[in-house]
Amino acid sequence: MILYIMLTGTPPFNGRNDREILQRVQQGKYSVSHPAFKIISDDARDLLDKMLTFDSVKRPSAQQCYDHPWFKKQNHTEKGKLDLSTMENFKNFQVTPKFYG
């Protein structure tokens, strides 16, 4: 999830309320229509898809993610490239802490 936020400036799962967000997380439904995906490589998309797998048995370990081709490439094509909307999203992104008692 953090990689998605770092690449797009937005969370991968949105909804009108916590219940809707959780349903999307469980279904694994996230959008790749964000403008940033126009410059995100296929390897990065593949890694995101694997990392956002809900089933923990199928989700790769940290070591498997590190060993992914996206990390192994010596010449990252994304280096230095960010969609302008991604930077704007970072400015507007905030996580509201919730305290349950």
Foldseek 3Di string as FASTA:
>chain_A
DVLVCVQQVDDFFDDPDPVRSVVCLQVLDGDCPRPSNVQDDPQSVVLVSLCSDNPPVSRDDPVVSCVRVCNVDPDRSCVPDGDPNSVVSNVVDDDDDDDDD
